[in-house]
Amino acid sequence: MATSKELERKAERTRERLSDRLSDLRDHVSPRAMIGDLLDIDPEGLANDLAPTLVKQARSNPVAFGLIAAGVGWLVFSEIREPLARLAYGTYARRRSRSAGPKRRRTKRSSRKQTPPKR
């Protein structure tokens, strides 16, 4: 029959093996690794190759690059325009309500005839 110390050692070894397997599994199942496996892309190599390729393409096709850059800029602007408008409107509304003070009642104007200005 095994002693309690032997059982503790065996349990500790099993925990270490399980921990190692889980960390290996975590590395293989990460989104970056899965996308790389699906697309057969090396993420580090892609980052090193992408910048020079983009520069080369931009120099050889400046009009196309400009149109693509304008499209991407337009997309980004359209995505941030609405939150910026809400932010500006909310700030404007808060500022205006603080400075306006309590609303005053309008009184009826007197029915006095106003004389035209002298020439």
Protein backbone atom coordinates (compact mmCIF):
# COMPACT_ATOMS: atom_id res chain seq x y z
CA MET A 1 0.00 0.00 0.00
CA ALA A 2 1.26 3.47 -0.89
CA THR A 3 2.03 5.95 1.83
CA SER A 4 0.49 9.41 1.96
CA LYS A 5 3.81 11.03 0.94
CA GLU A 6 4.02 8.86 -2.15
CA LEU A 7 0.43 9.71 -3.06
CA GLU A 8 1.16 13.43 -2.59
CA ARG A 9 4.22 13.22 -4.88
CA LYS A 10 2.22 11.34 -7.49
CA ALA A 11 -0.57 13.94 -7.32
CA GLU A 12 1.98 16.79 -7.63
CA ARG A 13 3.56 15.20 -10.73
CA THR A 14 0.12 14.74 -12.25
CA ARG A 15 -0.72 18.41 -11.57
CA GLU A 16 2.52 19.54 -13.22
CA ARG A 17 1.87 17.41 -16.32
CA LEU A 18 -1.69 18.70 -16.54
CA SER A 19 -0.50 22.29 -16.17
CA ASP A 20 2.06 21.82 -18.95
CA ARG A 21 -0.54 20.28 -21.25
CA LEU A 22 -2.99 23.09 -20.57
CA SER A 23 -0.41 25.77 -21.35
CA ASP A 24 0.49 23.96 -24.61
CA LEU A 25 -3.19 23.74 -25.48
CA ARG A 26 -3.69 27.43 -24.64
CA ASP A 27 -0.87 28.33 -27.06
CA HIS A 28 -2.31 26.20 -29.86
CA VAL A 29 -5.89 27.45 -29.43
CA SER A 30 -5.14 31.18 -29.25
CA PRO A 31 -6.89 33.27 -31.92
CA ARG A 32 -3.56 34.29 -33.42
CA ALA A 33 -2.43 30.67 -33.80
CA MET A 34 -5.78 29.55 -35.19
CA ILE A 35 -5.89 32.30 -37.82
CA GLY A 36 -2.30 31.57 -38.72
CA ASP A 37 -3.12 27.89 -39.12
CA LEU A 38 -6.24 28.55 -41.15
CA LEU A 39 -4.59 31.02 -43.48
CA ASP A 40 -1.18 29.38 -43.35
CA ILE A 41 0.42 32.70 -42.35
CA ASP A 42 3.36 33.37 -40.11
CA PRO A 43 2.31 36.48 -38.10
CA GLU A 44 5.87 37.66 -37.44
CA GLY A 45 6.87 37.20 -41.07
CA LEU A 46 3.74 38.99 -42.23
CA ALA A 47 4.53 42.04 -40.11
CA ASN A 48 8.08 42.17 -41.50
CA ASP A 49 6.96 41.74 -45.11
CA LEU A 50 3.86 43.91 -45.09
CA ALA A 51 5.39 47.38 -44.66
CA PRO A 52 7.94 47.13 -47.50
CA THR A 53 5.31 45.63 -49.80
CA LEU A 54 2.84 48.45 -49.08
CA VAL A 55 5.49 51.10 -49.69
CA LYS A 56 6.48 49.45 -52.97
CA GLN A 57 2.85 49.24 -54.13
CA ALA A 58 2.15 52.86 -53.10
CA ARG A 59 5.13 54.10 -55.11
CA SER A 60 4.22 52.10 -58.19
CA ASN A 61 0.49 53.01 -58.07
CA PRO A 62 0.10 56.37 -56.32
CA VAL A 63 -3.43 57.06 -57.62
CA ALA A 64 -4.73 53.70 -56.47
CA PHE A 65 -3.01 54.15 -53.11
CA GLY A 66 -4.56 57.60 -52.72
CA LEU A 67 -8.04 56.30 -53.52
CA ILE A 68 -7.68 53.42 -51.08
CA ALA A 69 -6.36 55.77 -48.39
CA ALA A 70 -9.29 58.15 -49.01
CA GLY A 71 -11.74 55.25 -48.74
CA VAL A 72 -10.23 54.01 -45.50
CA GLY A 73 -10.21 57.55 -44.11
CA TRP A 74 -13.84 58.01 -45.11
CA LEU A 75 -14.75 54.74 -43.40
CA VAL A 76 -12.95 55.72 -40.21
CA PHE A 77 -14.50 59.19 -40.25
CA SER A 78 -18.01 57.80 -40.77
CA GLU A 79 -17.52 55.43 -37.85
CA ILE A 80 -16.36 58.13 -35.43
CA ARG A 81 -18.59 60.95 -36.68
CA GLU A 82 -21.71 59.82 -34.83
CA PRO A 83 -20.04 59.34 -31.42
CA LEU A 84 -18.32 62.71 -31.84
CA ALA A 85 -21.63 64.36 -32.69
CA ARG A 86 -23.23 62.84 -29.60
CA LEU A 87 -20.34 64.01 -27.49
CA ALA A 88 -20.47 67.53 -28.90
CA TYR A 89 -24.25 67.72 -28.62
CA GLY A 90 -24.23 66.41 -25.05
CA THR A 91 -21.55 68.90 -24.05
CA TYR A 92 -23.36 71.76 -25.78
CA ALA A 93 -26.69 70.84 -24.17
CA ARG A 94 -25.16 70.62 -20.69
CA ARG A 95 -23.32 73.92 -21.08
CA ARG A 96 -26.40 75.68 -22.39
CA SER A 97 -28.68 74.39 -19.64
CA ARG A 98 -26.31 75.59 -16.93
CA SER A 99 -25.92 79.08 -18.33
CA ALA A 100 -29.55 79.61 -19.27
CA GLY A 101 -30.80 79.62 -15.70
CA PRO A 102 -34.48 79.39 -14.89
CA LYS A 103 -36.90 80.06 -17.70
CA ARG A 104 -38.64 83.41 -17.59
CA ARG A 105 -42.26 83.90 -18.35
CA ARG A 106 -43.04 86.12 -21.24
CA THR A 107 -45.18 89.07 -20.46
CA LYS A 108 -47.53 90.74 -22.85
CA ARG A 109 -46.06 93.73 -24.55
CA SER A 110 -47.74 96.99 -24.00
CA SER A 111 -49.92 98.17 -26.79
CA ARG A 112 -48.13 101.48 -27.02
CA LYS A 113 -47.66 102.81 -30.47
CA GLN A 114 -44.11 103.21 -31.37
CA THR A 115 -43.22 106.35 -33.21
CA PRO A 116 -41.01 106.00 -36.24
CA PRO A 117 -37.52 107.39 -35.83
CA LYS A 118 -36.97 111.00 -36.89
CA ARG A 119 -34.94 111.68 -39.92
